[in-house]
C-alpha atoms as a PDB file:
ATOM      1  CA  UNK A   1      -5.272  24.856 152.937  1.00  0.00           C
ATOM      2  CA  UNK A   2      -2.633  22.116 153.236  1.00  0.00           C
ATOM      3  CA  UNK A   3      -5.191  19.419 152.410  1.00  0.00           C
ATOM      4  CA  UNK A   4      -6.466  21.380 149.413  1.00  0.00           C
ATOM      5  CA  UNK A   5      -2.921  21.938 148.146  1.00  0.00           C
ATOM      6  CA  UNK A   6      -2.043  18.266 148.591  1.00  0.00           C
ATOM      7  CA  UNK A   7      -5.128  17.116 146.687  1.00  0.00           C
ATOM      8  CA  UNK A   8      -4.505  19.621 143.905  1.00  0.00           C
ATOM      9  CA  UNK A   9      -0.900  18.473 143.597  1.00  0.00           C
ATOM     10  CA  UNK A  10      -2.039  14.838 143.405  1.00  0.00           C
ATOM     11  CA  UNK A  11      -4.509  15.756 140.672  1.00  0.00           C
ATOM     12  CA  UNK A  12      -2.040  17.784 138.587  1.00  0.00           C
ATOM     13  CA  UNK A  13       0.881  15.366 138.659  1.00  0.00           C
ATOM     14  CA  UNK A  14      -1.402  12.362 138.118  1.00  0.00           C
ATOM     15  CA  UNK A  15      -2.821  13.879 134.938  1.00  0.00           C
ATOM     16  CA  UNK A  16       0.487  14.944 133.366  1.00  0.00           C
ATOM     17  CA  UNK A  17       1.081  11.384 132.123  1.00  0.00           C
ATOM     18  CA  UNK A  18      -2.039  11.567 129.967  1.00  0.00           C
ATOM     19  CA  UNK A  19      -1.264  15.165 128.987  1.00  0.00           C
ATOM     20  CA  UNK A  20       2.067  14.000 127.536  1.00  0.00           C
ATOM     21  CA  UNK A  21       0.213  11.453 125.406  1.00  0.00           C
ATOM     22  CA  UNK A  22      -2.092  14.173 124.076  1.00  0.00           C
ATOM     23  CA  UNK A  23       0.785  16.579 123.465  1.00  0.00           C
ATOM     24  CA  UNK A  24       2.497  13.918 121.340  1.00  0.00           C
ATOM     25  CA  UNK A  25      -0.426  13.990 118.897  1.00  0.00           C
ATOM     26  CA  UNK A  26       0.825  17.346 117.600  1.00  0.00           C
ATOM     27  CA  UNK A  27       4.447  17.724 118.725  1.00  0.00           C
ATOM     28  CA  UNK A  28       7.504  15.509 118.181  1.00  0.00           C
ATOM     29  CA  UNK A  29       8.764  14.068 121.494  1.00  0.00           C
ATOM     30  CA  UNK A  30      11.951  16.103 121.973  1.00  0.00           C
ATOM     31  CA  UNK A  31      10.594  19.399 120.660  1.00  0.00           C
ATOM     32  CA  UNK A  32       7.372  18.975 122.630  1.00  0.00           C
ATOM     33  CA  UNK A  33       9.265  18.314 125.856  1.00  0.00           C
ATOM     34  CA  UNK A  34      11.726  21.167 125.271  1.00  0.00           C
ATOM     35  CA  UNK A  35       8.924  23.665 124.599  1.00  0.00           C
ATOM     36  CA  UNK A  36       7.208  22.576 127.819  1.00  0.00           C
ATOM     37  CA  UNK A  37      10.240  23.375 129.929  1.00  0.00           C
ATOM     38  CA  UNK A  38      11.224  26.505 128.010  1.00  0.00           C
ATOM     39  CA  UNK A  39       7.785  27.983 128.643  1.00  0.00           C
ATOM     40  CA  UNK A  40       7.968  26.922 132.306  1.00  0.00           C
ATOM     41  CA  UNK A  41      11.440  28.456 132.709  1.00  0.00           C
ATOM     42  CA  UNK A  42      10.273  31.715 131.131  1.00  0.00           C
ATOM     43  CA  UNK A  43       7.307  31.903 133.510  1.00  0.00           C
ATOM     44  CA  UNK A  44       9.550  31.118 136.482  1.00  0.00           C
ATOM     45  CA  UNK A  45      11.932  33.879 135.397  1.00  0.00           C
ATOM     46  CA  UNK A  46       9.046  36.342 135.515  1.00  0.00           C
ATOM     47  CA  UNK A  47       8.134  35.139 139.026  1.00  0.00           C
ATOM     48  CA  UNK A  48      11.743  35.301 140.232  1.00  0.00           C
ATOM     49  CA  UNK A  49      12.174  38.841 138.924  1.00  0.00           C
ATOM     50  CA  UNK A  50       8.817  39.900 140.381  1.00  0.00           C
ATOM     51  CA  UNK A  51       9.979  38.666 143.775  1.00  0.00           C
ATOM     52  CA  UNK A  52      13.303  40.479 143.249  1.00  0.00           C
ATOM     53  CA  UNK A  53      15.356  37.355 143.858  1.00  0.00           C
ATOM     54  CA  UNK A  54      18.974  37.620 142.678  1.00  0.00           C
ATOM     55  CA  UNK A  55      19.738  35.491 139.632  1.00  0.00           C
ATOM     56  CA  UNK A  56      23.359  34.984 140.629  1.00  0.00           C
ATOM     57  CA  UNK A  57      24.137  31.655 142.268  1.00  0.00           C
ATOM     58  CA  UNK A  58      26.074  32.058 145.525  1.00  0.00           C
ATOM     59  CA  UNK A  59      28.001  28.834 144.937  1.00  0.00           C
ATOM     60  CA  UNK A  60      29.508  30.101 141.702  1.00  0.00           C
ATOM     61  CA  UNK A  61      30.779  27.708 139.022  1.00  0.00           C
ATOM     62  CA  UNK A  62      30.489  24.474 141.063  1.00  0.00           C
ATOM     63  CA  UNK A  63      26.818  25.165 141.720  1.00  0.00           C
ATOM     64  CA  UNK A  64      26.209  26.106 138.091  1.00  0.00           C
ATOM     65  CA  UNK A  65      27.927  22.903 136.986  1.00  0.00           C
ATOM     66  CA  UNK A  66      25.839  20.793 139.377  1.00  0.00           C
ATOM     67  CA  UNK A  67      22.582  22.344 138.136  1.00  0.00           C
ATOM     68  CA  UNK A  68      23.748  21.963 134.541  1.00  0.00           C
ATOM     69  CA  UNK A  69      24.475  18.247 135.026  1.00  0.00           C
ATOM     70  CA  UNK A  70      21.204  17.786 136.913  1.00  0.00           C
ATOM     71  CA  UNK A  71      19.289  19.473 134.075  1.00  0.00           C
ATOM     72  CA  UNK A  72      21.169  17.417 131.488  1.00  0.00           C
ATOM     73  CA  UNK A  73      20.307  14.168 133.271  1.00  0.00           C
ATOM     74  CA  UNK A  74      16.700  15.251 133.748  1.00  0.00           C
ATOM     75  CA  UNK A  75      16.448  16.148 130.064  1.00  0.00           C
ATOM     76  CA  UNK A  76      17.672  12.683 129.127  1.00  0.00           C
ATOM     77  CA  UNK A  77      15.144  11.223 131.548  1.00  0.00           C
ATOM     78  CA  UNK A  78      12.249  13.136 130.031  1.00  0.00           C
ATOM     79  CA  UNK A  79      13.457  12.186 126.557  1.00  0.00           C
ATOM     80  CA  UNK A  80      13.023   8.565 127.641  1.00  0.00           C
ATOM     81  CA  UNK A  81       9.557   9.284 129.070  1.00  0.00           C
ATOM     82  CA  UNK A  82       8.267  11.037 125.962  1.00  0.00           C
ATOM     83  CA  UNK A  83       9.612   8.258 123.742  1.00  0.00           C
ATOM     84  CA  UNK A  84       8.041   5.662 126.036  1.00  0.00           C
ATOM     85  CA  UNK A  85       4.640   7.309 125.856  1.00  0.00           C
ATOM     86  CA  UNK A  86       4.613   6.926 122.089  1.00  0.00           C
ATOM     87  CA  UNK A  87       3.772   3.289 122.874  1.00  0.00           C
ATOM     88  CA  UNK A  88       2.638   3.163 126.500  1.00  0.00           C
ATOM     89  CA  UNK A  89      -0.430   4.583 128.188  1.00  0.00           C
ATOM     90  CA  UNK A  90      -0.034   7.206 130.894  1.00  0.00           C
ATOM     91  CA  UNK A  91      -0.951   4.743 133.650  1.00  0.00           C
ATOM     92  CA  UNK A  92       1.559   2.093 132.561  1.00  0.00           C
ATOM     93  CA  UNK A  93       4.350   4.679 132.371  1.00  0.00           C
ATOM     94  CA  UNK A  94       3.399   6.103 135.778  1.00  0.00           C
ATOM     95  CA  UNK A  95       3.571   2.657 137.413  1.00  0.00           C
ATOM     96  CA  UNK A  96       7.040   1.953 136.002  1.00  0.00           C
ATOM     97  CA  UNK A  97       8.247   5.385 137.115  1.00  0.00           C
ATOM     98  CA  UNK A  98       6.784   4.807 140.589  1.00  0.00           C
ATOM     99  CA  UNK A  99       9.772   2.526 141.131  1.00  0.00           C
ATOM    100  CA  UNK A 100      12.120   5.532 141.004  1.00  0.00           C
ATOM    101  CA  UNK A 101      12.257   5.988 144.828  1.00  0.00           C
ATOM    102  CA  UNK A 102      13.552   2.415 145.155  1.00  0.00           C
ATOM    103  CA  UNK A 103      16.517   3.221 142.946  1.00  0.00           C
ATOM    104  CA  UNK A 104      16.875   6.652 144.516  1.00  0.00           C
ATOM    105  CA  UNK A 105      17.620   4.936 147.828  1.00  0.00           C
ATOM    106  CA  UNK A 106      20.600   3.180 146.264  1.00  0.00           C
ATOM    107  CA  UNK A 107      21.926   6.409 144.761  1.00  0.00           C
ATOM    108  CA  UNK A 108      21.326   8.257 148.041  1.00  0.00           C
ATOM    109  CA  UNK A 109      23.366   5.610 149.836  1.00  0.00           C
ATOM    110  CA  UNK A 110      26.158   5.919 147.249  1.00  0.00           C
ATOM    111  CA  UNK A 111      26.207   9.704 147.805  1.00  0.00           C
ATOM    112  CA  UNK A 112      26.161   9.184 151.583  1.00  0.00           C
ATOM    113  CA  UNK A 113      22.819  10.936 151.960  1.00  0.00           C
ATOM    114  CA  UNK A 114      20.679   8.172 153.533  1.00  0.00           C
ATOM    115  CA  UNK A 115      21.258   4.772 155.183  1.00  0.00           C
ATOM    116  CA  UNK A 116      20.261   1.566 153.385  1.00  0.00           C
ATOM    117  CA  UNK A 117      18.069  -0.215 155.952  1.00  0.00           C
ATOM    118  CA  UNK A 118      16.960  -3.867 155.908  1.00  0.00           C
ATOM    119  CA  UNK A 119      13.328  -2.815 155.436  1.00  0.00           C
ATOM    120  CA  UNK A 120      14.345  -0.812 152.391  1.00  0.00           C
ATOM    121  CA  UNK A 121      16.252  -3.763 150.951  1.00  0.00           C
ATOM    122  CA  UNK A 122      13.104  -5.860 151.376  1.00  0.00           C
ATOM    123  CA  UNK A 123      11.097  -3.195 149.591  1.00  0.00           C
ATOM    124  CA  UNK A 124      13.584  -3.121 146.715  1.00  0.00           C
ATOM    125  CA  UNK A 125      13.345  -6.900 146.342  1.00  0.00           C
ATOM    126  CA  UNK A 126       9.549  -6.747 146.178  1.00  0.00           C
ATOM    127  CA  UNK A 127       9.765  -3.858 143.731  1.00  0.00           C
ATOM    128  CA  UNK A 128      12.060  -5.797 141.413  1.00  0.00           C
ATOM    129  CA  UNK A 129       9.533  -8.633 141.477  1.00  0.00           C
ATOM    130  CA  UNK A 130       6.824  -6.170 140.504  1.00  0.00           C
ATOM    131  CA  UNK A 131       8.950  -4.833 137.643  1.00  0.00           C
ATOM    132  CA  UNK A 132       9.511  -8.401 136.429  1.00  0.00           C
ATOM    133  CA  UNK A 133       5.730  -8.954 136.402  1.00  0.00           C
ATOM    134  CA  UNK A 134       5.203  -5.725 134.453  1.00  0.00           C
ATOM    135  CA  UNK A 135       7.774  -6.671 131.827  1.00  0.00           C
ATOM    136  CA  UNK A 136       6.306 -10.171 131.632  1.00  0.00           C
ATOM    137  CA  UNK A 137       2.989  -8.531 130.863  1.00  0.00           C
ATOM    138  CA  UNK A 138       4.738  -6.326 128.319  1.00  0.00           C
ATOM    139  CA  UNK A 139       5.764  -9.378 126.303  1.00  0.00           C
ATOM    140  CA  UNK A 140       2.089  -9.886 125.432  1.00  0.00           C
ATOM    141  CA  UNK A 141       1.905  -6.321 124.083  1.00  0.00           C
ATOM    142  CA  UNK A 142       4.779  -6.589 121.602  1.00  0.00           C
ATOM    143  CA  UNK A 143       8.434  -5.622 121.153  1.00  0.00           C
ATOM    144  CA  UNK A 144       7.622  -1.921 120.793  1.00  0.00           C
ATOM    145  CA  UNK A 145       6.017  -1.831 124.228  1.00  0.00           C
ATOM    146  CA  UNK A 146       8.937  -3.691 125.783  1.00  0.00           C
ATOM    147  CA  UNK A 147      11.371  -1.112 124.397  1.00  0.00           C
ATOM    148  CA  UNK A 148       9.116   1.669 125.653  1.00  0.00           C
ATOM    149  CA  UNK A 149       9.069   0.088 129.123  1.00  0.00           C
ATOM    150  CA  UNK A 150      12.866  -0.002 129.063  1.00  0.00           C
ATOM    151  CA  UNK A 151      12.938   3.724 128.200  1.00  0.00           C
ATOM    152  CA  UNK A 152      10.688   4.493 131.179  1.00  0.00           C
ATOM    153  CA  UNK A 153      12.758   2.246 133.457  1.00  0.00           C
ATOM    154  CA  UNK A 154      15.990   3.995 132.453  1.00  0.00           C
ATOM    155  CA  UNK A 155      14.443   7.337 133.410  1.00  0.00           C
ATOM    156  CA  UNK A 156      13.160   6.003 136.747  1.00  0.00           C
ATOM    157  CA  UNK A 157      16.172   3.905 137.697  1.00  0.00           C
ATOM    158  CA  UNK A 158      19.089   5.997 136.413  1.00  0.00           C
ATOM    159  CA  UNK A 159      18.285   9.556 135.392  1.00  0.00           C
ATOM    160  CA  UNK A 160      15.920  10.798 138.094  1.00  0.00           C
ATOM    161  CA  UNK A 161      17.839   9.400 141.111  1.00  0.00           C
ATOM    162  CA  UNK A 162      21.048  11.050 139.856  1.00  0.00           C
ATOM    163  CA  UNK A 163      19.549  14.504 139.411  1.00  0.00           C
ATOM    164  CA  UNK A 164      17.751  14.178 142.761  1.00  0.00           C
ATOM    165  CA  UNK A 165      21.010  13.488 144.562  1.00  0.00           C
ATOM    166  CA  UNK A 166      22.749  16.362 142.783  1.00  0.00           C
ATOM    167  CA  UNK A 167      20.023  18.842 143.686  1.00  0.00           C
ATOM    168  CA  UNK A 168      19.934  17.662 147.282  1.00  0.00           C
ATOM    169  CA  UNK A 169      23.669  18.162 147.690  1.00  0.00           C
ATOM    170  CA  UNK A 170      24.345  21.308 145.683  1.00  0.00           C
ATOM    171  CA  UNK A 171      21.078  23.306 145.618  1.00  0.00           C
ATOM    172  CA  UNK A 172      20.126  23.149 149.299  1.00  0.00           C
ATOM    173  CA  UNK A 173      21.142  26.746 149.993  1.00  0.00           C
ATOM    174  CA  UNK A 174      19.272  28.260 147.031  1.00  0.00           C
ATOM    175  CA  UNK A 175      15.772  29.723 146.977  1.00  0.00           C
ATOM    176  CA  UNK A 176      13.682  26.851 145.538  1.00  0.00           C
ATOM    177  CA  UNK A 177      12.248  28.976 142.742  1.00  0.00           C
ATOM    178  CA  UNK A 178      15.740  29.985 141.623  1.00  0.00           C
ATOM    179  CA  UNK A 179      17.136  26.445 141.613  1.00  0.00           C
ATOM    180  CA  UNK A 180      14.020  25.229 139.775  1.00  0.00           C
ATOM    181  CA  UNK A 181      14.457  27.996 137.181  1.00  0.00           C
ATOM    182  CA  UNK A 182      18.038  26.982 136.370  1.00  0.00           C
ATOM    183  CA  UNK A 183      17.190  23.278 136.562  1.00  0.00           C
ATOM    184  CA  UNK A 184      14.262  23.479 134.123  1.00  0.00           C
ATOM    185  CA  UNK A 185      16.173  25.803 131.790  1.00  0.00           C
ATOM    186  CA  UNK A 186      19.060  23.337 131.459  1.00  0.00           C
ATOM    187  CA  UNK A 187      16.524  20.527 131.039  1.00  0.00           C
ATOM    188  CA  UNK A 188      14.922  22.426 128.151  1.00  0.00           C
ATOM    189  CA  UNK A 189      18.285  23.089 126.472  1.00  0.00           C
ATOM    190  CA  UNK A 190      19.183  19.390 126.659  1.00  0.00           C
ATOM    191  CA  UNK A 191      15.945  18.372 124.973  1.00  0.00           C
ATOM    192  CA  UNK A 192      16.349  21.137 122.379  1.00  0.00           C
ATOM    193  CA  UNK A 193      19.747  19.694 121.410  1.00  0.00           C
ATOM    194  CA  UNK A 194      18.408  16.134 121.322  1.00  0.00           C
ATOM    195  CA  UNK A 195      15.598  17.039 118.893  1.00  0.00           C
ATOM    196  CA  UNK A 196      17.738  17.560 115.737  1.00  0.00           C
ATOM    197  CA  UNK A 197      20.066  14.727 116.769  1.00  0.00           C
ATOM    198  CA  UNK A 198      17.021  12.443 116.660  1.00  0.00           C
ATOM    199  CA  UNK A 199      16.129  13.829 113.240  1.00  0.00           C
ATOM    200  CA  UNK A 200      13.055  15.721 114.379  1.00  0.00           C
ATOM    201  CA  UNK A 201      11.806  18.670 112.355  1.00  0.00           C
ATOM    202  CA  UNK A 202      10.471  21.796 113.983  1.00  0.00           C
ATOM    203  CA  UNK A 203       6.777  21.108 114.599  1.00  0.00           C
ATOM    204  CA  UNK A 204       4.192  22.667 112.321  1.00  0.00           C
ATOM    205  CA  UNK A 205       2.389  24.448 115.125  1.00  0.00           C
ATOM    206  CA  UNK A 206      -0.434  25.632 112.894  1.00  0.00           C
ATOM    207  CA  UNK A 207      -1.199  22.064 111.788  1.00  0.00           C
ATOM    208  CA  UNK A 208      -1.152  20.571 115.298  1.00  0.00           C
ATOM    209  CA  UNK A 209      -4.558  19.782 116.805  1.00  0.00           C
ATOM    210  CA  UNK A 210      -5.964  22.137 119.398  1.00  0.00           C
ATOM    211  CA  UNK A 211      -5.792  19.482 122.127  1.00  0.00           C
ATOM    212  CA  UNK A 212      -2.026  19.171 121.592  1.00  0.00           C
ATOM    213  CA  UNK A 213      -1.559  22.927 122.187  1.00  0.00           C
ATOM    214  CA  UNK A 214      -3.760  22.781 125.278  1.00  0.00           C
ATOM    215  CA  UNK A 215      -1.833  19.793 126.621  1.00  0.00           C
ATOM    216  CA  UNK A 216       1.484  21.593 126.080  1.00  0.00           C
ATOM    217  CA  UNK A 217       0.301  24.648 127.983  1.00  0.00           C
ATOM    218  CA  UNK A 218      -1.158  22.478 130.735  1.00  0.00           C
ATOM    219  CA  UNK A 219       2.185  20.686 131.139  1.00  0.00           C
ATOM    220  CA  UNK A 220       4.121  23.955 131.179  1.00  0.00           C
ATOM    221  CA  UNK A 221       1.851  26.036 133.395  1.00  0.00           C
ATOM    222  CA  UNK A 222       0.203  23.516 135.704  1.00  0.00           C
ATOM    223  CA  UNK A 223       2.483  20.476 135.425  1.00  0.00           C
ATOM    224  CA  UNK A 224       5.654  22.504 135.953  1.00  0.00           C
ATOM    225  CA  UNK A 225       5.196  26.022 137.352  1.00  0.00           C
ATOM    226  CA  UNK A 226       2.013  25.632 139.450  1.00  0.00           C
ATOM    227  CA  UNK A 227       2.798  22.113 140.672  1.00  0.00           C
ATOM    228  CA  UNK A 228       6.283  23.051 141.831  1.00  0.00           C
ATOM    229  CA  UNK A 229       5.011  26.207 143.524  1.00  0.00           C
ATOM    230  CA  UNK A 230       2.423  24.198 145.467  1.00  0.00           C
ATOM    231  CA  UNK A 231       5.000  21.562 146.357  1.00  0.00           C
ATOM    232  CA  UNK A 232       7.453  24.143 147.697  1.00  0.00           C
ATOM    233  CA  UNK A 233       4.720  25.833 149.723  1.00  0.00           C
ATOM    234  CA  UNK A 234       3.578  22.504 151.203  1.00  0.00           C
ATOM    235  CA  UNK A 235       7.161  21.533 151.978  1.00  0.00           C
ATOM    236  CA  UNK A 236       7.299  24.450 154.430  1.00  0.00           C
ATOM    237  CA  UNK A 237       4.160  23.247 156.260  1.00  0.00           C
ATOM    238  CA  UNK A 238       4.124  19.443 156.041  1.00  0.00           C
ATOM    239  CA  UNK A 239       6.578  16.682 156.851  1.00  0.00           C
ATOM    240  CA  UNK A 240       8.428  15.253 153.901  1.00  0.00           C
ATOM    241  CA  UNK A 241       7.082  11.808 154.817  1.00  0.00           C
ATOM    242  CA  UNK A 242       3.566  13.111 154.163  1.00  0.00           C
ATOM    243  CA  UNK A 243       4.478  14.551 150.762  1.00  0.00           C
ATOM    244  CA  UNK A 244       6.262  11.339 149.780  1.00  0.00           C
ATOM    245  CA  UNK A 245       2.883   9.591 149.642  1.00  0.00           C
ATOM    246  CA  UNK A 246       2.260  11.499 146.408  1.00  0.00           C
ATOM    247  CA  UNK A 247       4.256   8.779 144.696  1.00  0.00           C
ATOM    248  CA  UNK A 248       1.698   6.219 145.832  1.00  0.00           C
ATOM    249  CA  UNK A 249      -1.325   8.231 144.726  1.00  0.00           C
ATOM    250  CA  UNK A 250      -0.188   9.329 141.258  1.00  0.00           C
ATOM    251  CA  UNK A 251      -0.010   5.886 139.592  1.00  0.00           C
ATOM    252  CA  UNK A 252      -3.386   4.895 141.025  1.00  0.00           C
ATOM    253  CA  UNK A 253      -5.078   7.990 139.569  1.00  0.00           C
ATOM    254  CA  UNK A 254      -3.161   7.622 136.294  1.00  0.00           C
ATOM    255  CA  UNK A 255      -4.365   4.010 135.933  1.00  0.00           C
ATOM    256  CA  UNK A 256      -7.881   5.238 136.687  1.00  0.00           C
ATOM    257  CA  UNK A 257      -7.580   7.725 133.825  1.00  0.00           C
ATOM    258  CA  UNK A 258      -6.424   4.894 131.563  1.00  0.00           C
ATOM    259  CA  UNK A 259      -9.604   2.996 132.380  1.00  0.00           C
ATOM    260  CA  UNK A 260     -11.741   6.109 131.934  1.00  0.00           C
ATOM    261  CA  UNK A 261     -10.193   6.899 128.540  1.00  0.00           C
ATOM    262  CA  UNK A 262     -10.218   3.201 127.555  1.00  0.00           C
ATOM    263  CA  UNK A 263      -6.440   3.107 127.166  1.00  0.00           C
ATOM    264  CA  UNK A 264      -5.803   0.417 129.788  1.00  0.00           C
ATOM    265  CA  UNK A 265      -2.961  -1.856 128.637  1.00  0.00           C
ATOM    266  CA  UNK A 266      -2.335  -4.101 131.635  1.00  0.00           C
ATOM    267  CA  UNK A 267      -3.747  -7.548 132.299  1.00  0.00           C
ATOM    268  CA  UNK A 268      -3.801  -9.487 135.610  1.00  0.00           C
ATOM    269  CA  UNK A 269      -0.001  -9.924 135.706  1.00  0.00           C
ATOM    270  CA  UNK A 270       0.508  -6.228 135.015  1.00  0.00           C
ATOM    271  CA  UNK A 271      -1.826  -5.119 137.798  1.00  0.00           C
ATOM    272  CA  UNK A 272      -0.143  -7.577 140.180  1.00  0.00           C
ATOM    273  CA  UNK A 273       3.205  -6.037 139.242  1.00  0.00           C
ATOM    274  CA  UNK A 274       1.782  -2.534 139.772  1.00  0.00           C
ATOM    275  CA  UNK A 275       0.570  -3.535 143.244  1.00  0.00           C
ATOM    276  CA  UNK A 276       3.978  -4.980 144.147  1.00  0.00           C
ATOM    277  CA  UNK A 277       5.728  -1.785 143.005  1.00  0.00           C
ATOM    278  CA  UNK A 278       3.434   0.363 145.167  1.00  0.00           C
ATOM    279  CA  UNK A 279       3.885  -1.928 148.202  1.00  0.00           C
ATOM    280  CA  UNK A 280       7.645  -1.852 147.686  1.00  0.00           C
ATOM    281  CA  UNK A 281       7.670   1.925 147.476  1.00  0.00           C
ATOM    282  CA  UNK A 282       5.711   2.161 150.705  1.00  0.00           C
ATOM    283  CA  UNK A 283       8.124  -0.163 152.524  1.00  0.00           C
ATOM    284  CA  UNK A 284      11.180   1.618 151.161  1.00  0.00           C
ATOM    285  CA  UNK A 285      10.187   5.226 151.777  1.00  0.00           C
ATOM    286  CA  UNK A 286       8.043   5.192 154.947  1.00  0.00           C
ATOM    287  CA  UNK A 287       8.666   6.647 157.411  1.00  0.00           C
ATOM    288  CA  UNK A 288      11.074   9.289 156.167  1.00  0.00           C
ATOM    289  CA  UNK A 289      13.033  11.551 158.445  1.00  0.00           C
ATOM    290  CA  UNK A 290      11.855  15.118 158.718  1.00  0.00           C
END
């Protein structure tokens, strides 16, 4: 069952990059992202109530504030991702975001959560070289792609490591479903506020193509609720070091989907950069402590 769950999780999270691209064909970036997480939060609320978990946070205001900030940062991160995928393919975005664990190590060290070992410093150096190769490749694609790459890099390097550290420190004593519910709800609210600030109009749902609706539901149900449920179940049975290899598999499958859908953007330099990022991630995150 663990192997089946792991493979299913790899499949779901590897396909969400392409699902975002499809969702953007019918929904504006901020509204599309906010609806995804609002639907996911509503479904999680049903699950939490069905399991009779208390909605009150035992840590009170400090815990609420930590989850609020984590959701705010995550919302900003997903805003960057959705804007990036207006120009980038799912595979290219996934490769750039695969560098997130490298930057997470720095933030974890700043928060006093993990040591910064020499092997990890070596991995970071290789990863930065890979990012340089990717951005060098991006120059051949145009200024719009370069800006999109910067959006994705901001999410991977700044937003996601911060919310990860906050959740690790302040949500460790919560039932995972409950912390995920609050976290995704605050993420959705952040994106909902960003939508009018960006000048987006409420999407004409009736005029959106069917594939955009299907992609939105896939992202909400499978990409958020189901994927997190599988992850939390596997976390009770497998070492964290085993689950961390998901970050190595996702970009590979996402690039494969790019090739299958004929959306591949990278040339030789880009694929060299992608390889360096994956090697760097492996050096930096393996082996992890249980």
